[in-house]
């Protein structure tokens, strides 16, 4: 039976839906930022732009009857999306609800049982492929039987390239299944483009699209596979995907992964050599090191390599 594995980590919460011993869906929530479902007081500071009382700016769909400078209550419908050089602001709508915090990651894990993991227990997340999942997100390299995917998150859309040896029809259908699984596994939303091998006949293109329809959970919209082998999918995008999160802050991701490893190491503190950038990152967040010491009973001894 599928179940969610959940960890309240240092600097982040993480969860994975496990079925048949592998990760079929994953979520990572980094500390900070505004979350979907937050209802907060705000002020209209320009056309389509509000500033929450916390100081965070967000795009506003509409605010009928609210003058510039006027106060209103808004609900967050999309979190900030990191992009190279800038980030897409969170999105909000005017709301008549009372201010309330957003539900956390644990509260969003529905439909299946949830098992909360502790550092002193066997590492079930790692056994299911957590490190491999993060490596997929970081590099974009995803293997499947008979071929490989390359995944690129861009400001316009997330792109997948399906590559492998002939025959092309089984390569394309195998790639479609792998793409559908990767979209779900990494929480990819928005516009998604898939470049399949060029297929000669309409029946083969329809077969590829049918695989996506079976494998990808709804709701989504898609085009047909065109004569050049390209298909586009559009899904809801309430928050950043796992690849976007890790690539937007690779040093932070490495620092949080290191803290997860150190939390699971028993015994007295040992000397750990870490990249200089990671050391600087965690030293700039002494609350993380204090929490690690509280959880393990020993202050970590970190040195730059």
Protein backbone atom coordinates (compact mmCIF):
# COMPACT_ATOMS: atom_id res chain seq x y z
CA UNK A 1 0.00 0.00 0.00
CA UNK A 2 1.44 3.43 -0.89
CA UNK A 3 2.47 5.58 2.07
CA UNK A 4 4.04 8.97 2.62
CA UNK A 5 7.38 9.13 4.41
CA UNK A 6 7.85 12.50 6.12
CA UNK A 7 10.85 14.12 7.80
CA UNK A 8 10.97 17.42 9.64
CA UNK A 9 14.52 18.29 8.66
CA UNK A 10 16.77 21.20 9.56
CA UNK A 11 16.04 24.08 7.20
CA UNK A 12 13.49 22.06 5.26
CA UNK A 13 10.70 19.53 5.44
CA UNK A 14 10.76 16.60 3.03
CA UNK A 15 8.36 13.87 2.04
CA UNK A 16 8.08 11.08 -0.50
CA UNK A 17 5.19 8.88 -1.54
CA UNK A 18 6.50 5.32 -1.68
CA UNK A 19 4.89 2.54 -3.72
CA UNK A 20 6.53 -0.83 -4.36
CA UNK A 21 9.69 0.40 -2.65
CA UNK A 22 10.29 3.42 -4.89
CA UNK A 23 9.51 7.13 -4.86
CA UNK A 24 6.56 8.01 -7.07
CA UNK A 25 6.03 11.55 -5.75
CA UNK A 26 8.19 13.86 -3.66
CA UNK A 27 7.93 17.22 -1.95
CA UNK A 28 10.49 19.56 -0.43
CA UNK A 29 9.54 22.67 1.52
CA UNK A 30 12.42 25.00 2.37
CA UNK A 31 12.03 27.23 5.41
CA UNK A 32 10.90 30.80 4.68
CA UNK A 33 8.73 32.40 2.03
CA UNK A 34 4.96 32.55 1.73
CA UNK A 35 2.98 29.40 1.04
CA UNK A 36 -0.15 28.55 -0.89
CA UNK A 37 -3.17 28.94 1.35
CA UNK A 38 -1.80 31.81 3.42
CA UNK A 39 -4.46 34.45 4.09
CA UNK A 40 -2.94 37.77 5.13
CA UNK A 41 -3.54 41.49 5.29
CA UNK A 42 -1.90 43.49 2.52
CA UNK A 43 -1.81 46.88 0.87
CA UNK A 44 -2.21 47.68 -2.82
CA UNK A 45 1.02 49.37 -3.91
CA UNK A 46 0.50 49.47 -7.67
CA UNK A 47 -1.52 47.97 -10.52
CA UNK A 48 -1.73 44.25 -9.82
CA UNK A 49 0.79 44.43 -6.97
CA UNK A 50 0.38 44.14 -3.20
CA UNK A 51 2.71 44.16 -0.23
CA UNK A 52 1.79 41.81 2.59
CA UNK A 53 2.12 43.04 6.16
CA UNK A 54 5.20 40.78 6.37
CA UNK A 55 6.83 42.90 3.63
CA UNK A 56 6.60 40.25 0.88
CA UNK A 57 5.30 41.50 -2.47
CA UNK A 58 2.85 39.48 -4.55
CA UNK A 59 1.01 39.77 -7.85
CA UNK A 60 -2.71 40.38 -7.40
CA UNK A 61 -5.28 39.13 -9.88
CA UNK A 62 -7.71 41.99 -9.23
CA UNK A 63 -8.83 44.31 -6.44
CA UNK A 64 -12.12 45.90 -7.47
CA UNK A 65 -12.90 49.02 -5.49
CA UNK A 66 -9.55 49.13 -3.65
CA UNK A 67 -7.58 52.34 -4.32
CA UNK A 68 -3.81 52.37 -4.52
CA UNK A 69 -2.54 52.44 -0.96
CA UNK A 70 -5.71 50.77 0.30
CA UNK A 71 -5.71 47.77 2.62
CA UNK A 72 -7.25 44.41 1.81
CA UNK A 73 -7.02 40.72 2.67
CA UNK A 74 -5.45 38.35 0.16
CA UNK A 75 -4.95 34.60 -0.21
CA UNK A 76 -1.79 33.19 -1.79
CA UNK A 77 -2.55 30.95 -4.77
CA UNK A 78 0.99 30.41 -6.08
CA UNK A 79 4.31 30.56 -4.32
CA UNK A 80 7.35 32.41 -5.65
CA UNK A 81 9.01 30.58 -8.56
CA UNK A 82 12.82 30.89 -8.72
CA UNK A 83 14.34 31.85 -12.06
CA UNK A 84 17.88 32.76 -13.15
CA UNK A 85 18.45 36.42 -12.31
CA UNK A 86 15.03 36.98 -10.75
CA UNK A 87 12.07 35.18 -9.22
CA UNK A 88 8.44 35.21 -10.21
CA UNK A 89 6.52 36.82 -7.40
CA UNK A 90 3.88 34.88 -5.49
CA UNK A 91 0.34 35.25 -6.80
CA UNK A 92 -2.62 36.27 -4.69
CA UNK A 93 -6.34 36.90 -4.94
CA UNK A 94 -8.54 39.17 -2.86
CA UNK A 95 -10.19 37.21 -0.06
CA UNK A 96 -12.99 37.70 2.43
CA UNK A 97 -11.57 35.07 4.80
CA UNK A 98 -9.93 35.85 8.12
CA UNK A 99 -6.11 35.92 8.14
CA UNK A 100 -4.69 32.45 8.71
CA UNK A 101 -1.37 30.65 8.19
CA UNK A 102 -0.83 28.37 5.23
CA UNK A 103 -1.05 24.62 5.77
CA UNK A 104 2.39 23.07 6.12
CA UNK A 105 3.78 20.18 4.11
CA UNK A 106 2.63 17.58 6.62
CA UNK A 107 -0.98 18.83 6.42
CA UNK A 108 -0.89 18.51 2.61
CA UNK A 109 -0.01 14.82 2.66
CA UNK A 110 -3.45 13.36 2.10
CA UNK A 111 -5.06 10.31 0.45
CA UNK A 112 -2.41 7.92 1.81
CA UNK A 113 -1.10 7.04 5.29
CA UNK A 114 1.80 9.12 6.59
CA UNK A 115 4.79 7.73 8.48
CA UNK A 116 6.89 10.29 10.36
CA UNK A 117 10.56 9.33 10.31
CA UNK A 118 13.20 9.95 12.97
CA UNK A 119 16.95 10.14 12.54
CA UNK A 120 17.61 7.21 14.89
CA UNK A 121 15.50 4.88 12.72
CA UNK A 122 16.57 3.10 9.52
CA UNK A 123 16.80 5.56 6.63
CA UNK A 124 13.72 4.54 4.67
CA UNK A 125 13.86 7.61 2.44
CA UNK A 126 17.38 6.78 1.34
CA UNK A 127 16.44 3.14 0.81
CA UNK A 128 13.70 4.26 -1.58
CA UNK A 129 16.13 6.40 -3.60
CA UNK A 130 16.12 9.87 -2.02
CA UNK A 131 19.72 10.72 -2.99
CA UNK A 132 19.11 9.47 -6.53
CA UNK A 133 16.02 11.67 -6.73
CA UNK A 134 17.99 14.75 -5.70
CA UNK A 135 20.70 13.88 -8.24
CA UNK A 136 18.06 13.63 -10.98
CA UNK A 137 16.72 17.06 -10.00
CA UNK A 138 20.20 18.57 -9.87
CA UNK A 139 21.57 17.18 -13.15
CA UNK A 140 18.43 16.54 -15.20
CA UNK A 141 19.75 13.12 -16.26
CA UNK A 142 17.11 10.38 -15.98
CA UNK A 143 17.66 6.86 -17.32
CA UNK A 144 14.89 4.50 -18.38
CA UNK A 145 15.00 1.05 -20.05
CA UNK A 146 16.25 1.55 -23.58
CA UNK A 147 16.97 5.27 -23.37
CA UNK A 148 17.50 8.41 -21.32
CA UNK A 149 15.81 11.71 -20.59
CA UNK A 150 17.43 15.10 -20.23
CA UNK A 151 15.40 17.60 -18.21
CA UNK A 152 15.87 21.39 -18.31
CA UNK A 153 13.77 23.80 -16.25
CA UNK A 154 13.65 27.14 -18.13
CA UNK A 155 11.71 30.37 -17.40
CA UNK A 156 9.23 29.50 -20.17
CA UNK A 157 8.75 25.77 -19.57
CA UNK A 158 10.39 22.59 -18.35
CA UNK A 159 11.83 20.71 -21.32
CA UNK A 160 12.41 16.97 -21.70
CA UNK A 161 14.49 15.43 -24.47
CA UNK A 162 13.97 11.71 -25.15
CA UNK A 163 17.14 10.07 -26.47
CA UNK A 164 18.16 6.52 -27.27
CA UNK A 165 18.77 3.96 -29.99
CA UNK A 166 16.35 2.68 -32.59
CA UNK A 167 13.71 1.32 -33.01
CA UNK A 168 12.10 4.69 -32.44
CA UNK A 169 8.52 3.73 -31.61
CA UNK A 170 9.30 1.72 -28.44
CA UNK A 171 11.87 4.38 -27.51
CA UNK A 172 9.20 7.07 -27.75
CA UNK A 173 6.57 5.14 -25.78
CA UNK A 174 9.13 4.20 -23.12
CA UNK A 175 10.19 7.83 -22.98
CA UNK A 176 6.58 8.97 -22.57
CA UNK A 177 6.15 6.71 -19.55
CA UNK A 178 9.44 7.92 -18.05
CA UNK A 179 8.48 11.58 -18.60
CA UNK A 180 5.08 11.10 -16.95
CA UNK A 181 6.71 9.47 -13.95
CA UNK A 182 9.36 12.20 -13.72
CA UNK A 183 6.75 14.98 -13.87
CA UNK A 184 4.93 13.47 -10.92
CA UNK A 185 8.08 12.51 -9.01
CA UNK A 186 9.55 16.00 -9.20
CA UNK A 187 6.31 17.98 -8.83
CA UNK A 188 6.66 19.72 -12.20
CA UNK A 189 3.87 22.08 -13.23
CA UNK A 190 3.24 24.89 -15.68
CA UNK A 191 4.21 24.42 -19.33
CA UNK A 192 6.14 21.25 -20.12
CA UNK A 193 7.64 20.49 -23.52
CA UNK A 194 8.68 16.99 -24.62
CA UNK A 195 10.90 16.36 -27.65
CA UNK A 196 10.32 12.78 -28.81
CA UNK A 197 12.12 11.05 -31.69
CA UNK A 198 10.48 11.94 -34.99
CA UNK A 199 7.88 9.26 -35.70
CA UNK A 200 6.72 8.47 -39.21
CA UNK A 201 3.05 7.68 -38.75
CA UNK A 202 0.04 9.15 -37.00
CA UNK A 203 -0.72 5.88 -35.22
CA UNK A 204 2.69 5.89 -33.55
CA UNK A 205 2.22 9.50 -32.40
CA UNK A 206 -1.22 8.68 -31.01
CA UNK A 207 0.25 5.71 -29.12
CA UNK A 208 2.84 7.97 -27.47
CA UNK A 209 0.17 10.48 -26.40
CA UNK A 210 -1.99 7.63 -25.06
CA UNK A 211 0.86 6.53 -22.77
CA UNK A 212 0.99 10.02 -21.27
CA UNK A 213 -2.77 10.03 -20.77
CA UNK A 214 -2.57 6.74 -18.85
CA UNK A 215 0.50 7.52 -16.78
CA UNK A 216 0.12 11.18 -15.81
CA UNK A 217 -2.44 11.92 -13.09
CA UNK A 218 -5.06 14.51 -14.10
CA UNK A 219 -5.81 17.32 -14.39
CA UNK A 220 -3.65 18.46 -17.29
CA UNK A 221 -3.98 19.60 -20.87
CA UNK A 222 -1.80 18.55 -23.76
CA UNK A 223 -1.31 18.97 -27.46
CA UNK A 224 -0.90 16.13 -29.92
CA UNK A 225 2.58 14.94 -30.89
CA UNK A 226 3.35 16.98 -33.98
CA UNK A 227 5.23 15.79 -37.06
CA UNK A 228 8.55 16.87 -35.52
CA UNK A 229 7.98 14.83 -32.37
CA UNK A 230 7.11 17.69 -30.00
CA UNK A 231 4.27 17.65 -27.47
CA UNK A 232 3.32 20.23 -24.86
CA UNK A 233 1.61 19.67 -21.50
CA UNK A 234 0.13 22.30 -19.19
CA UNK A 235 -0.43 21.52 -15.50
CA UNK A 236 -1.25 23.59 -12.45
CA UNK A 237 1.83 25.20 -10.91
CA UNK A 238 1.14 26.20 -7.30
CA UNK A 239 4.80 25.99 -6.27
CA UNK A 240 8.30 25.42 -7.63
CA UNK A 241 9.35 21.96 -8.77
CA UNK A 242 12.13 20.02 -7.09
CA UNK A 243 14.61 20.79 -9.92
CA UNK A 244 13.79 24.51 -9.67
CA UNK A 245 14.30 24.53 -5.91
CA UNK A 246 17.63 22.72 -5.99
CA UNK A 247 19.06 24.63 -8.95
CA UNK A 248 18.02 28.02 -7.58
CA UNK A 249 20.15 27.50 -4.45
CA UNK A 250 22.58 24.61 -4.98
CA UNK A 251 24.78 25.58 -2.03
CA UNK A 252 21.78 25.73 0.29
CA UNK A 253 20.57 22.38 -0.99
CA UNK A 254 24.01 20.86 -0.35
CA UNK A 255 24.09 22.38 3.14
CA UNK A 256 20.69 20.96 4.09
CA UNK A 257 21.63 17.54 2.68
CA UNK A 258 24.82 17.63 4.78
CA UNK A 259 22.84 18.44 7.93
CA UNK A 260 20.56 15.50 7.20
CA UNK A 261 23.59 13.17 7.00
CA UNK A 262 25.16 14.55 10.18
CA UNK A 263 21.90 14.19 12.09
CA UNK A 264 21.94 10.47 11.32
CA UNK A 265 25.54 9.87 12.41
CA UNK A 266 25.62 8.31 15.89
CA UNK A 267 28.28 8.78 18.52
CA UNK A 268 30.44 11.75 19.52
CA UNK A 269 31.07 14.63 17.18
CA UNK A 270 33.77 13.99 14.61
CA UNK A 271 35.67 16.36 12.36
CA UNK A 272 33.91 16.87 9.03
CA UNK A 273 35.54 18.52 6.01
CA UNK A 274 32.99 20.29 3.81
CA UNK A 275 33.19 22.63 0.81
CA UNK A 276 34.00 26.20 1.80
CA UNK A 277 30.77 27.55 0.32
CA UNK A 278 28.69 25.06 2.33
CA UNK A 279 30.59 25.90 5.51
CA UNK A 280 29.98 29.62 5.00
CA UNK A 281 26.31 28.93 4.33
CA UNK A 282 25.65 27.02 7.55
CA UNK A 283 27.81 29.33 9.67
CA UNK A 284 25.62 32.20 8.46
CA UNK A 285 22.66 30.28 9.93
CA UNK A 286 23.73 29.49 13.50
CA UNK A 287 20.20 28.41 14.36
CA UNK A 288 20.68 25.40 12.05
CA UNK A 289 23.87 24.34 13.84
CA UNK A 290 22.20 24.87 17.22
CA UNK A 291 19.30 22.66 16.17
CA UNK A 292 21.69 19.98 14.93
CA UNK A 293 23.47 20.05 18.30
CA UNK A 294 20.14 19.79 20.11
CA UNK A 295 19.09 16.78 18.05
CA UNK A 296 22.40 14.92 18.20
CA UNK A 297 23.70 16.03 21.59
CA UNK A 298 26.99 17.26 20.10
CA UNK A 299 28.09 20.40 18.32
CA UNK A 300 29.34 19.53 14.80
CA UNK A 301 33.03 20.05 14.10
CA UNK A 302 33.11 21.44 10.56
CA UNK A 303 36.21 22.43 8.59
CA UNK A 304 36.65 23.78 5.07
CA UNK A 305 38.17 21.29 2.66
